[in-house]
Protein backbone atom coordinates (compact mmCIF):
# COMPACT_ATOMS: atom_id res chain seq x y z
CA MET A 1 26.86 -32.57 -2.43
CA ASP A 2 29.25 -31.04 0.39
CA ALA A 3 29.39 -32.93 3.57
CA GLN A 4 31.69 -30.12 5.28
CA ALA A 5 28.83 -27.50 4.51
CA GLY A 6 26.48 -29.48 6.33
CA GLU A 7 24.54 -30.70 3.70
CA MET A 8 23.44 -34.87 3.77
CA PRO A 9 26.25 -37.10 3.24
CA ALA A 10 26.26 -39.12 -0.06
CA CYS A 11 25.71 -42.38 2.00
CA ALA A 12 22.74 -41.46 4.12
CA ARG A 13 19.14 -41.79 3.36
CA PRO A 14 16.22 -39.89 3.58
CA PHE A 15 13.97 -42.53 5.76
CA GLY A 16 15.99 -43.94 8.81
CA TYR A 17 15.35 -47.61 10.28
CA VAL A 18 12.91 -47.05 13.16
CA PRO A 19 12.54 -49.74 15.62
CA ARG A 20 8.91 -51.10 16.75
CA GLN A 21 7.87 -49.54 19.77
CA THR A 22 7.21 -52.82 21.89
CA HIS A 23 8.27 -51.61 25.05
CA GLU A 24 5.60 -48.77 24.86
CA CYS A 25 2.78 -50.53 23.60
CA ASP A 26 -0.12 -51.33 25.56
CA ALA A 27 -0.28 -54.92 26.06
CA ALA A 28 3.73 -54.80 27.30
CA VAL A 29 3.01 -51.59 29.75
CA LEU A 30 -0.02 -53.60 31.52
CA VAL A 31 2.17 -56.95 31.79
CA ARG A 32 5.01 -55.06 33.67
CA ARG A 33 2.29 -53.49 35.62
CA GLN A 34 0.49 -56.50 36.88
CA LEU A 35 3.26 -59.29 36.35
CA ALA A 36 4.64 -59.02 39.64
CA GLU A 37 1.65 -58.88 41.71
CA PHE A 38 0.01 -61.77 39.19
CA LEU A 39 3.00 -63.89 39.90
CA ALA A 40 2.88 -63.41 43.59
CA ARG A 41 -0.77 -64.14 43.72
CA CYS A 42 -0.27 -67.43 41.91
CA GLU A 43 2.52 -68.40 44.27
CA GLU A 44 0.22 -67.85 47.10
CA ARG A 45 -2.92 -69.67 45.92
CA VAL A 46 -1.40 -72.61 43.95
CA GLY A 47 2.11 -72.45 43.74
CA PRO A 48 4.67 -70.82 41.31
CA LEU A 49 4.22 -70.70 37.78
CA PRO A 50 6.42 -72.97 35.20
CA ALA A 51 9.84 -71.21 34.58
CA PHE A 52 9.17 -71.11 30.88
CA VAL A 53 5.97 -69.18 31.49
CA LYS A 54 7.65 -66.56 33.75
CA ALA A 55 10.27 -66.37 31.16
CA GLU A 56 7.91 -65.58 28.15
CA LEU A 57 6.15 -63.04 30.31
CA GLU A 58 9.48 -61.25 31.81
CA GLY A 59 10.92 -61.12 27.99
CA PHE A 60 7.85 -59.65 26.92
CA ALA A 61 7.83 -57.12 29.49
CA GLY A 62 11.41 -55.83 28.81
CA CYS A 63 11.36 -56.48 24.96
CA GLY A 64 13.15 -53.22 23.49
CA ASP A 65 13.75 -51.63 26.64
CA PHE A 66 17.14 -49.76 25.84
CA GLU A 67 18.04 -50.16 30.00
CA LEU A 68 18.35 -53.92 29.25
CA GLY A 69 20.84 -53.60 26.50
CA PHE A 70 21.11 -52.61 22.98
CA VAL A 71 23.11 -52.87 19.85
CA ARG A 72 24.87 -49.65 18.39
CA THR A 73 26.18 -49.24 14.76
CA CYS A 74 28.19 -46.78 13.12
CA CYS A 75 28.41 -46.35 9.41
CA ARG A 76 32.19 -45.83 8.38
CA SER A 77 31.41 -43.47 5.46
CA CYS A 78 29.54 -40.87 7.28
CA GLY A 79 29.69 -41.88 10.88
CA ASP A 80 25.77 -42.19 11.18
CA GLU A 81 24.94 -44.33 13.85
CA LEU A 82 22.06 -46.55 14.80
CA ARG A 83 20.89 -48.02 18.17
CA VAL A 84 18.76 -51.07 18.55
CA PRO A 85 17.39 -52.57 21.81
CA PHE A 86 17.60 -56.41 22.33
CA SER A 87 14.56 -58.22 21.89
CA CYS A 88 12.83 -61.02 23.60
CA LYS A 89 12.84 -63.73 20.95
CA SER A 90 9.72 -64.73 22.20
CA ARG A 91 7.68 -67.77 20.70
CA GLY A 92 4.77 -67.32 23.01
CA CYS A 93 3.15 -63.51 22.65
CA CYS A 94 5.63 -60.94 21.82
CA PRO A 95 3.95 -59.22 18.43
CA SER A 96 7.24 -57.81 17.27
CA CYS A 97 9.65 -61.16 17.70
CA MET A 98 7.09 -63.20 16.38
CA GLY A 99 5.99 -60.89 13.83
CA ARG A 100 9.81 -60.92 12.53
CA ARG A 101 9.48 -64.51 12.67
CA MET A 102 6.67 -64.53 10.63
CA ALA A 103 7.95 -62.46 7.86
CA GLU A 104 11.45 -64.47 7.90
CA GLY A 105 9.79 -67.89 8.53
CA ALA A 106 7.67 -66.97 5.25
CA ALA A 107 10.38 -65.69 3.24
CA LEU A 108 12.06 -68.76 3.62
CA LEU A 109 9.18 -71.00 2.87
CA VAL A 110 8.64 -69.25 -0.39
CA ASP A 111 12.06 -68.45 -1.56
CA HIS A 112 13.53 -71.89 -0.45
CA VAL A 113 10.89 -74.55 0.19
CA LEU A 114 7.96 -74.28 -1.62
CA PRO A 115 7.71 -75.42 -5.42
CA ALA A 116 5.27 -73.15 -7.82
CA VAL A 117 2.53 -75.48 -7.56
CA GLY A 118 -0.89 -75.56 -6.31
CA TYR A 119 -1.33 -75.98 -2.52
CA ARG A 120 -4.30 -76.18 -0.07
CA GLN A 121 -4.39 -75.12 3.21
CA TRP A 122 -6.17 -77.96 5.86
CA VAL A 123 -7.25 -76.34 9.33
CA LEU A 124 -8.07 -78.91 12.00
CA SER A 125 -9.34 -77.38 15.02
CA PHE A 126 -10.71 -79.14 18.13
CA PRO A 127 -13.99 -77.63 19.72
CA GLY A 128 -14.25 -79.35 23.11
CA PRO A 129 -11.33 -79.93 25.66
CA MET A 130 -8.78 -81.75 23.37
CA ALA A 131 -8.04 -78.03 22.23
CA VAL A 132 -6.93 -77.59 25.69
CA ARG A 133 -5.37 -80.60 26.24
CA LEU A 134 -3.16 -80.47 23.06
CA GLY A 135 -1.57 -77.20 25.02
CA TYR A 136 0.52 -79.23 27.34
CA ASP A 137 0.55 -82.71 26.26
CA ALA A 138 3.55 -82.41 23.62
CA PRO A 139 3.70 -86.53 22.85
CA LEU A 140 0.10 -86.33 21.58
CA LEU A 141 0.28 -82.80 19.76
CA ALA A 142 3.28 -84.19 18.18
CA ALA A 143 1.29 -87.68 17.25
CA VAL A 144 -1.70 -85.65 16.02
CA ALA A 145 0.45 -83.34 13.94
CA GLY A 146 2.04 -86.14 12.43
CA ARG A 147 -0.70 -88.32 11.69
CA LEU A 148 -2.76 -85.08 9.97
CA ALA A 149 -0.15 -84.67 7.78
CA ARG A 150 0.01 -88.34 6.84
CA ALA A 151 -3.50 -88.51 6.11
CA VAL A 152 -3.41 -85.40 4.21
CA MET A 153 -0.64 -86.50 1.98
CA GLN A 154 -2.38 -90.18 1.70
CA ASP A 155 -5.55 -88.27 0.61
CA MET A 156 -3.53 -85.95 -2.27
CA ARG A 157 -1.90 -89.34 -3.30
CA ARG A 158 -4.85 -91.25 -3.85
CA GLY A 159 -6.95 -88.35 -5.32
CA VAL A 160 -4.36 -87.98 -7.75
CA LYS A 161 -4.29 -92.03 -8.72
CA GLN A 162 -8.29 -91.56 -9.07
CA GLN A 163 -8.17 -88.34 -11.44
CA HIS A 164 -5.09 -89.23 -13.65
CA GLY A 165 -6.04 -93.24 -13.89
CA LEU A 166 -2.76 -94.34 -12.31
CA ALA A 167 -2.22 -97.69 -11.48
CA SER A 168 -0.43 -97.43 -8.03
CA VAL A 169 0.31 -94.41 -5.74
CA ALA A 170 3.93 -95.98 -5.18
CA ALA A 171 5.28 -93.36 -7.42
CA LEU A 172 3.57 -90.38 -5.86
CA HIS A 173 5.28 -87.96 -3.32
CA ALA A 174 3.17 -85.13 -1.66
CA GLY A 175 4.82 -82.26 0.90
CA VAL A 176 2.77 -80.84 3.83
CA VAL A 177 4.48 -78.07 6.30
CA THR A 178 2.16 -78.12 9.46
CA VAL A 179 2.04 -75.32 12.01
CA VAL A 180 0.73 -75.55 15.22
CA GLN A 181 -1.34 -72.16 16.76
CA ARG A 182 -1.93 -72.09 20.25
CA PHE A 183 -4.20 -68.89 20.79
CA ARG A 184 -7.83 -67.94 20.02
CA SER A 185 -8.58 -63.89 19.22
CA ASP A 186 -9.25 -63.37 22.70
CA LEU A 187 -5.73 -64.61 23.88
CA GLY A 188 -6.96 -67.53 25.51
CA LEU A 189 -5.78 -71.03 24.88
CA TYR A 190 -6.72 -72.91 21.47
CA VAL A 191 -4.61 -75.20 20.09
CA HIS A 192 -5.17 -75.99 16.19
CA LEU A 193 -3.48 -77.13 13.25
CA HIS A 194 -2.73 -75.50 10.11
CA CYS A 195 -1.27 -77.68 7.06
CA LEU A 196 -0.08 -76.09 4.09
CA ALA A 197 -0.10 -78.98 1.72
CA THR A 198 0.54 -79.38 -1.71
CA ASP A 199 -2.97 -79.57 -4.07
CA GLY A 200 -1.47 -82.74 -5.47
CA ALA A 201 1.34 -84.86 -5.68
CA TYR A 202 4.88 -85.27 -7.52
CA GLU A 203 5.17 -88.33 -9.82
CA GLU A 204 8.66 -89.90 -10.02
CA GLN A 205 9.39 -91.14 -13.43
CA ASN A 206 11.32 -93.78 -14.86
CA ASP A 207 13.98 -91.08 -16.21
CA GLY A 208 14.27 -89.85 -12.67
CA GLU A 209 12.51 -86.56 -13.44
CA LEU A 210 9.28 -85.17 -11.32
CA ARG A 211 5.85 -84.08 -12.86
CA PHE A 212 3.45 -82.33 -10.83
CA LEU A 213 0.19 -83.78 -10.79
CA ALA A 214 -3.16 -82.07 -9.55
CA ALA A 215 -5.63 -83.37 -7.63
CA PRO A 216 -9.33 -83.30 -7.38
CA PRO A 217 -11.18 -81.11 -4.73
CA PRO A 218 -11.53 -83.11 -1.32
CA THR A 219 -15.07 -84.15 -1.04
CA PRO A 220 -17.05 -84.67 2.20
CA GLU A 221 -16.10 -88.62 2.33
CA ARG A 222 -12.39 -88.01 2.13
CA MET A 223 -12.33 -85.43 4.11
CA THR A 224 -14.28 -87.92 6.91
CA ALA A 225 -11.30 -90.49 6.07
CA VAL A 226 -8.93 -88.06 7.20
CA LEU A 227 -10.55 -87.07 10.20
CA ALA A 228 -11.02 -90.75 11.23
CA GLN A 229 -7.28 -91.39 10.82
CA VAL A 230 -6.68 -88.11 13.73
CA HIS A 231 -9.23 -89.63 15.78
CA GLU A 232 -7.34 -92.66 16.22
CA VAL A 233 -4.65 -91.29 17.89
CA VAL A 234 -6.90 -89.21 19.71
CA ARG A 235 -8.89 -91.93 21.23
CA ALA A 236 -5.72 -94.06 22.05
CA ALA A 237 -4.56 -91.22 24.14
CA ASP A 238 -4.13 -92.10 28.10
CA ASP A 239 -6.96 -89.73 29.97
CA ASP A 240 -4.40 -88.70 32.73
CA LEU A 241 -2.37 -85.17 31.99
CA ASP A 242 -0.13 -84.42 34.97
CA LEU A 243 -0.58 -80.27 34.43
CA ASP A 244 1.27 -77.88 36.66
CA PRO A 245 -1.27 -76.62 39.67
CA ALA A 246 -0.50 -72.67 38.33
CA LEU A 247 -1.05 -73.53 34.78
CA ALA A 248 -4.21 -75.45 35.67
CA ALA A 249 -5.64 -72.68 37.60
CA CYS A 250 -4.76 -70.14 34.67
CA LEU A 251 -6.82 -72.62 32.63
CA GLN A 252 -9.72 -72.19 34.56
CA LEU A 253 -9.77 -68.77 34.45
CA SER A 254 -9.01 -68.78 30.80
CA LEU A 255 -11.78 -71.07 30.11
CA ALA A 256 -14.05 -69.23 32.40
CA GLY A 257 -14.76 -66.36 29.72
CA PRO A 258 -16.12 -64.43 28.30
CA HIS A 259 -15.84 -66.41 24.86
CA LEU A 260 -16.24 -65.51 21.07
CA ALA A 261 -19.58 -66.98 19.97
CA PRO A 262 -22.07 -65.41 17.59
CA ASP A 263 -25.70 -65.24 19.03
CA SER A 264 -26.97 -67.65 16.29
CA PRO A 265 -25.34 -70.33 14.43
CA SER A 266 -24.87 -69.63 10.84
CA ALA A 267 -23.94 -72.01 8.08
CA PRO A 268 -20.66 -73.67 7.89
CA PRO A 269 -18.15 -72.03 5.27
CA PRO A 270 -17.84 -74.26 2.26
CA MET A 271 -15.49 -77.47 2.20
CA THR A 272 -15.94 -77.73 6.13
CA LEU A 273 -16.50 -80.84 7.95
CA SER A 274 -17.34 -82.07 12.03
CA ALA A 275 -16.87 -85.40 12.46
CA PHE A 276 -15.09 -86.83 15.57
CA GLY A 277 -15.79 -84.44 17.61
CA MET A 278 -13.27 -82.25 15.19
CA ASN A 279 -13.59 -79.50 12.78
CA LEU A 280 -11.73 -79.99 9.47
CA HIS A 281 -11.56 -77.10 6.80
CA ALA A 282 -9.96 -77.19 3.32
CA ALA A 283 -11.42 -74.62 1.31
CA THR A 284 -8.41 -72.16 1.02
CA THR A 285 -6.40 -73.04 -1.66
CA ALA A 286 -3.08 -70.80 -3.63
CA ASP A 287 -1.64 -71.08 -6.81
CA GLY A 288 2.29 -71.48 -6.12
CA ARG A 289 3.04 -69.25 -9.15
CA ASP A 290 1.94 -65.98 -7.45
CA ARG A 291 4.59 -66.29 -5.08
CA LYS A 292 2.67 -63.01 -3.00
CA GLN A 293 -0.35 -64.80 -2.54
CA LEU A 294 1.72 -67.99 -1.05
CA GLU A 295 3.42 -65.84 0.91
CA ARG A 296 0.48 -63.93 2.08
CA ILE A 297 -0.92 -67.39 3.46
CA CYS A 298 2.29 -68.30 4.96
CA ARG A 299 2.59 -65.24 6.96
CA TYR A 300 -1.28 -65.71 7.99
CA LEU A 301 0.21 -69.65 9.32
CA LEU A 302 2.93 -67.90 11.08
CA ARG A 303 1.22 -64.97 12.47
CA PRO A 304 1.65 -64.02 16.18
CA PRO A 305 -1.60 -63.98 18.57
CA PHE A 306 -1.90 -60.45 18.10
CA ALA A 307 -0.70 -57.03 17.08
CA HIS A 308 0.97 -54.41 18.63
CA ASP A 309 -2.24 -52.10 18.56
CA ALA A 310 -4.83 -54.96 18.99
CA VAL A 311 -4.33 -54.53 22.90
CA THR A 312 -5.56 -51.21 24.40
CA ALA A 313 -5.65 -50.01 27.94
CA LEU A 314 -8.93 -48.34 28.79
CA PRO A 315 -10.53 -46.25 31.87
CA GLY A 316 -11.16 -48.37 35.15
CA GLY A 317 -8.41 -50.65 35.11
CA ARG A 318 -9.94 -52.77 31.98
CA VAL A 319 -8.36 -53.74 28.80
CA ARG A 320 -10.10 -54.09 25.38
CA VAL A 321 -8.77 -56.73 22.72
CA SER A 322 -9.45 -55.76 19.51
CA PHE A 323 -9.60 -58.74 16.43
CA LYS A 324 -9.94 -58.52 12.81
CA ALA A 325 -13.81 -60.32 11.98
CA PRO A 326 -16.75 -58.49 13.71
CA TRP A 327 -18.85 -60.61 16.22
CA ASN A 328 -22.49 -59.90 17.29
CA PRO A 329 -23.18 -59.17 21.25
CA THR A 330 -22.90 -62.32 23.52
CA PRO A 331 -24.27 -62.28 27.36
CA LEU A 332 -20.87 -62.19 28.42
CA SER A 333 -19.84 -59.09 26.56
CA ALA A 334 -21.49 -55.93 26.01
CA ASN A 335 -19.23 -55.12 23.18
CA THR A 336 -20.30 -55.17 19.69
CA GLY A 337 -18.27 -55.58 16.70
CA LYS A 338 -14.27 -56.06 17.02
CA ALA A 339 -13.75 -55.56 20.25
CA LEU A 340 -13.50 -57.48 23.63
CA ASP A 341 -13.37 -55.94 27.00
CA LEU A 342 -11.24 -57.66 29.39
CA HIS A 343 -9.61 -57.87 32.97
CA PRO A 344 -5.95 -57.48 32.87
CA THR A 345 -5.59 -60.40 35.33
CA GLY A 346 -2.48 -61.93 32.98
CA ALA A 347 -4.13 -65.55 33.21
CA GLN A 348 -5.23 -65.13 29.71
CA ARG A 349 -2.05 -64.65 28.76
CA GLY A 350 -0.27 -67.28 30.94
CA SER A 351 -1.86 -70.50 29.80
CA PRO A 352 -1.11 -70.36 25.94
CA PHE A 353 2.65 -70.44 25.94
CA PRO A 354 4.42 -73.18 24.34
CA GLY A 355 7.19 -75.17 26.14
CA LYS A 356 10.66 -75.38 25.34
CA SER A 357 11.36 -76.19 21.79
CA ARG A 358 8.13 -76.09 20.73
CA GLY A 359 6.07 -73.60 18.62
CA PHE A 360 7.96 -74.39 14.89
CA PRO A 361 6.69 -75.47 12.08
CA ARG A 362 6.98 -78.98 10.76
CA HIS A 363 8.03 -80.02 7.38
CA HIS A 364 6.74 -83.40 6.18
CA PRO A 365 8.88 -85.38 3.96
CA LYS A 366 8.73 -84.19 0.26
CA LEU A 367 8.90 -80.54 1.51
CA ALA A 368 11.61 -81.04 4.01
CA ALA A 369 15.11 -79.60 3.47
CA ARG A 370 16.77 -83.31 3.44
CA TRP A 371 14.78 -84.64 0.49
CA HIS A 372 16.96 -85.43 -2.15
CA ARG A 373 14.79 -84.65 -4.98
CA GLY A 374 13.73 -81.22 -3.40
CA GLU A 375 16.29 -78.92 -5.44
CA ALA A 376 14.50 -80.54 -8.90
CA ALA A 377 11.00 -80.08 -7.55
CA THR A 378 11.46 -76.27 -6.29
CA ARG A 379 12.56 -75.58 -10.22
């Protein structure tokens, strides 16, 4: 084509890059409108919110705003320009920044960390106050996550030993990636843990080679043993938690409801166990040779708390939060199906944010980057 005649240059593409409109989504607009009043009300009644909470909210409110700065790029061949606004790089609530981290993190795991073997997802949840306690007790959360990972790996090694008639577990090595999720579907604080574990273990042979041995599906007895190990950590925890007064007030408002719950109890999903005040689910599996399926599970583990279009402003100053699975109507909500109406107080969003240096996946021994057998295991 002749560029001088006004035709499209050869390096141009018919589909250009379009940045996500985070700044204009209803959730960001609502935060910008309500944030100043919300912070002032908190400071007047119970004291100022911690700096990391304010930073998360203010960053989300300005994410994608061209007035706060942008990057300008230019093609050396055709002169085409592209302007990309700065992002907030949030780890707490921004669907754009956390969505990008989800995509990059899942690609990293699939391309460089996870070998082509079987995997099982273990989900540990706490139906009681412990789900809130773990939100701001970092040492306890780290201890629970570490004990859960070790218990799952121990279960895999013992299952492989029993399944394949081995004499010892000393030469067996399993791996786990643990992700901490902090939100309920209605954006309230609800800490629960997802573990993506090898559904079996590697056996290190005499010649240094590795072979993967699959484990049998977990039984109720084995799942109870996993919960028993986690319970030892929870039982030994100190009852006192020095929580910031403003955060405590946000938590009280968040816990006050409305809550999502079906009218009548349904049958528990398969391979689900409740014991010691905890729930454990281990029915989801993936074949590591199917890299697309494995990446979908990794993206699920790393997903943000809500999507751009999940929060919608309604007439009368109310907010609708839409979620994936339908729920039956409850006494606290007149909505049926996949939406819940809330007041835009900001308290739901103020309590679940992680503190500094938290919120990243944890790689346990045999999936860690520095494992000396990692390169051989991925091939």
